[in-house]
Amino acid sequence: MFPLLMPIIAGGVVYFLYKQGVFEGMCHSHHIEKKDKITSDDETPLEILKKRYAQGDISTEEYQERKEKLQEE
């Protein structure tokens, strides 16, 4: 009987800790969300592009291509 209860108890503890926010910030996708939110609504697409390039999110080639496309518009 005890071996059957152990996974249920462990799952309950993990769920409780998750709900309390103990695991917040441990997941890589969580960091991506925070980084994406650093842009404000009043920034131009070119400013956002420059920020992404400065942060290393995009390569120099991609930056140049996107910059040229934005300047065409």
N, C-alpha and C. Protein backbone atom coordinates (compact mmCIF):
# COMPACT_ATOMS: atom_id res chain seq x y z
N MET A 1 0.83 -1.20 0.00
CA MET A 1 0.00 0.00 0.00
C MET A 1 0.87 1.26 0.00
N PHE A 2 1.92 1.27 0.81
CA PHE A 2 2.80 2.45 0.89
C PHE A 2 3.46 2.78 -0.44
N PRO A 3 3.95 1.79 -1.21
CA PRO A 3 4.56 2.13 -2.50
C PRO A 3 3.57 2.82 -3.46
N LEU A 4 2.30 2.57 -3.31
CA LEU A 4 1.31 3.21 -4.16
C LEU A 4 1.04 4.65 -3.73
N LEU A 5 1.15 4.93 -2.45
CA LEU A 5 0.89 6.27 -1.94
C LEU A 5 2.05 7.23 -2.17
N MET A 6 3.26 6.71 -2.25
CA MET A 6 4.45 7.56 -2.38
C MET A 6 4.40 8.46 -3.63
N PRO A 7 4.09 7.93 -4.82
CA PRO A 7 4.02 8.82 -5.99
C PRO A 7 2.89 9.86 -5.89
N ILE A 8 1.81 9.48 -5.25
CA ILE A 8 0.69 10.42 -5.08
C ILE A 8 1.10 11.55 -4.14
N ILE A 9 1.75 11.21 -3.05
CA ILE A 9 2.21 12.22 -2.10
C ILE A 9 3.27 13.12 -2.75
N ALA A 10 4.22 12.52 -3.46
CA ALA A 10 5.27 13.29 -4.13
C ALA A 10 4.67 14.23 -5.17
N GLY A 11 3.70 13.74 -5.92
CA GLY A 11 3.03 14.58 -6.90
C GLY A 11 2.30 15.74 -6.25
N GLY A 12 1.68 15.48 -5.12
CA GLY A 12 0.98 16.54 -4.39
C GLY A 12 1.94 17.60 -3.90
N VAL A 13 3.10 17.17 -3.42
CA VAL A 13 4.10 18.13 -2.93
C VAL A 13 4.62 18.99 -4.09
N VAL A 14 4.93 18.34 -5.20
CA VAL A 14 5.42 19.09 -6.37
C VAL A 14 4.35 20.07 -6.85
N TYR A 15 3.10 19.65 -6.91
CA TYR A 15 2.01 20.53 -7.34
C TYR A 15 1.87 21.72 -6.39
N PHE A 16 1.95 21.47 -5.10
CA PHE A 16 1.85 22.54 -4.11
C PHE A 16 2.99 23.54 -4.28
N LEU A 17 4.20 23.04 -4.44
CA LEU A 17 5.35 23.93 -4.62
C LEU A 17 5.23 24.72 -5.92
N TYR A 18 4.71 24.07 -6.96
CA TYR A 18 4.50 24.76 -8.24
C TYR A 18 3.50 25.91 -8.07
N LYS A 19 2.43 25.65 -7.38
CA LYS A 19 1.41 26.68 -7.14
C LYS A 19 1.94 27.83 -6.28
N GLN A 20 2.89 27.54 -5.42
CA GLN A 20 3.49 28.56 -4.56
C GLN A 20 4.54 29.38 -5.31
N GLY A 21 4.90 28.98 -6.52
CA GLY A 21 5.85 29.73 -7.33
C GLY A 21 7.30 29.38 -7.05
N VAL A 22 7.54 28.25 -6.41
CA VAL A 22 8.91 27.86 -6.08
C VAL A 22 9.74 27.61 -7.34
N PHE A 23 9.11 27.10 -8.38
CA PHE A 23 9.83 26.76 -9.61
C PHE A 23 9.89 27.91 -10.60
N GLU A 24 9.32 29.03 -10.27
CA GLU A 24 9.31 30.17 -11.19
C GLU A 24 10.74 30.63 -11.47
N GLY A 25 11.04 30.83 -12.73
CA GLY A 25 12.37 31.28 -13.11
C GLY A 25 13.33 30.15 -13.39
N MET A 26 12.93 28.91 -13.16
CA MET A 26 13.82 27.78 -13.42
C MET A 26 13.74 27.30 -14.86
N CYS A 27 12.67 27.60 -15.53
CA CYS A 27 12.44 27.13 -16.88
C CYS A 27 13.02 28.13 -17.88
N HIS A 28 13.67 27.62 -18.91
CA HIS A 28 14.28 28.49 -19.92
C HIS A 28 13.23 29.34 -20.62
N SER A 29 12.07 28.76 -20.90
CA SER A 29 11.04 29.53 -21.61
C SER A 29 10.56 30.71 -20.78
N HIS A 30 10.64 30.61 -19.47
CA HIS A 30 10.24 31.71 -18.62
C HIS A 30 11.18 32.90 -18.83
N HIS A 31 12.47 32.63 -18.99
CA HIS A 31 13.43 33.69 -19.22
C HIS A 31 13.18 34.37 -20.56
N ILE A 32 12.79 33.58 -21.55
CA ILE A 32 12.50 34.14 -22.86
C ILE A 32 11.31 35.09 -22.76
N GLU A 33 10.29 34.69 -22.03
CA GLU A 33 9.13 35.56 -21.85
C GLU A 33 9.53 36.91 -21.26
N LYS A 34 10.35 36.88 -20.22
CA LYS A 34 10.77 38.13 -19.59
C LYS A 34 11.56 38.99 -20.55
N LYS A 35 12.43 38.38 -21.34
CA LYS A 35 13.25 39.14 -22.26
C LYS A 35 12.39 39.78 -23.34
N ASP A 36 11.35 39.06 -23.81
CA ASP A 36 10.47 39.60 -24.83
C ASP A 36 9.67 40.80 -24.31
N LYS A 37 9.46 40.88 -23.02
CA LYS A 37 8.63 41.94 -22.47
C LYS A 37 9.41 43.23 -22.20
N ILE A 38 10.70 43.27 -22.53
CA ILE A 38 11.45 44.49 -22.26
C ILE A 38 11.16 45.57 -23.29
N THR A 39 10.50 45.21 -24.38
CA THR A 39 10.16 46.22 -25.38
C THR A 39 8.88 46.91 -24.97
N SER A 40 8.81 48.18 -25.27
CA SER A 40 7.59 48.92 -24.93
C SER A 40 6.76 49.11 -26.19
N ASP A 41 5.52 49.52 -25.99
CA ASP A 41 4.59 49.66 -27.11
C ASP A 41 4.94 50.82 -28.02
N ASP A 42 5.69 51.80 -27.54
CA ASP A 42 5.95 52.98 -28.35
C ASP A 42 7.27 52.89 -29.14
N GLU A 43 7.93 51.73 -29.13
CA GLU A 43 9.17 51.57 -29.88
C GLU A 43 8.87 51.28 -31.35
N THR A 44 9.70 51.82 -32.21
CA THR A 44 9.54 51.54 -33.64
C THR A 44 10.11 50.15 -33.93
N PRO A 45 9.71 49.56 -35.05
CA PRO A 45 10.27 48.25 -35.41
C PRO A 45 11.79 48.28 -35.54
N LEU A 46 12.35 49.38 -36.02
CA LEU A 46 13.80 49.48 -36.15
C LEU A 46 14.48 49.50 -34.78
N GLU A 47 13.88 50.18 -33.82
CA GLU A 47 14.44 50.21 -32.47
C GLU A 47 14.42 48.82 -31.84
N ILE A 48 13.33 48.10 -32.05
CA ILE A 48 13.22 46.73 -31.53
C ILE A 48 14.26 45.84 -32.19
N LEU A 49 14.43 46.00 -33.50
CA LEU A 49 15.43 45.23 -34.23
C LEU A 49 16.83 45.50 -33.69
N LYS A 50 17.14 46.76 -33.44
CA LYS A 50 18.46 47.12 -32.90
C LYS A 50 18.68 46.49 -31.53
N LYS A 51 17.63 46.49 -30.70
CA LYS A 51 17.74 45.88 -29.37
C LYS A 51 18.00 44.39 -29.46
N ARG A 52 17.25 43.72 -30.34
CA ARG A 52 17.41 42.28 -30.49
C ARG A 52 18.82 41.94 -30.99
N TYR A 53 19.35 42.77 -31.88
CA TYR A 53 20.71 42.56 -32.37
C TYR A 53 21.73 42.77 -31.25
N ALA A 54 21.54 43.82 -30.48
CA ALA A 54 22.45 44.13 -29.38
C ALA A 54 22.44 43.02 -28.32
N GLN A 55 21.27 42.39 -28.12
CA GLN A 55 21.16 41.33 -27.13
C GLN A 55 21.71 40.00 -27.65
N GLY A 56 21.99 39.94 -28.95
CA GLY A 56 22.50 38.71 -29.53
C GLY A 56 21.41 37.73 -29.94
N ASP A 57 20.18 38.21 -30.02
CA ASP A 57 19.07 37.34 -30.41
C ASP A 57 19.11 37.00 -31.89
N ILE A 58 19.66 37.88 -32.71
CA ILE A 58 19.74 37.66 -34.15
C ILE A 58 21.17 37.89 -34.62
N SER A 59 21.51 37.28 -35.75
CA SER A 59 22.86 37.40 -36.31
C SER A 59 23.00 38.72 -37.05
N THR A 60 24.23 39.05 -37.40
CA THR A 60 24.50 40.26 -38.16
C THR A 60 23.81 40.21 -39.52
N GLU A 61 23.86 39.05 -40.16
CA GLU A 61 23.21 38.90 -41.47
C GLU A 61 21.71 39.13 -41.38
N GLU A 62 21.10 38.52 -40.38
CA GLU A 62 19.65 38.69 -40.21
C GLU A 62 19.31 40.14 -39.89
N TYR A 63 20.14 40.77 -39.06
CA TYR A 63 19.92 42.18 -38.73
C TYR A 63 19.96 43.04 -39.98
N GLN A 64 20.98 42.84 -40.83
CA GLN A 64 21.12 43.64 -42.05
C GLN A 64 19.94 43.43 -42.99
N GLU A 65 19.51 42.16 -43.16
CA GLU A 65 18.38 41.85 -44.05
C GLU A 65 17.10 42.53 -43.56
N ARG A 66 16.83 42.39 -42.28
CA ARG A 66 15.60 42.97 -41.73
C ARG A 66 15.64 44.50 -41.75
N LYS A 67 16.82 45.05 -41.50
CA LYS A 67 16.97 46.50 -41.52
C LYS A 67 16.69 47.04 -42.91
N GLU A 68 17.22 46.38 -43.92
CA GLU A 68 16.97 46.80 -45.31
C GLU A 68 15.49 46.73 -45.64
N LYS A 69 14.83 45.66 -45.22
CA LYS A 69 13.38 45.52 -45.49
C LYS A 69 12.58 46.61 -44.79
N LEU A 70 12.96 46.94 -43.56
CA LEU A 70 12.24 47.97 -42.83
C LEU A 70 12.45 49.34 -43.46
N GLN A 71 13.63 49.59 -43.98
CA GLN A 71 13.92 50.90 -44.58
C GLN A 71 13.25 51.04 -45.95
N GLU A 72 12.90 49.93 -46.60
CA GLU A 72 12.17 49.96 -47.87
C GLU A 72 10.74 50.46 -47.68
N GLU A 73 10.16 50.12 -46.54
CA GLU A 73 8.75 50.44 -46.28
C GLU A 73 8.50 51.90 -46.05
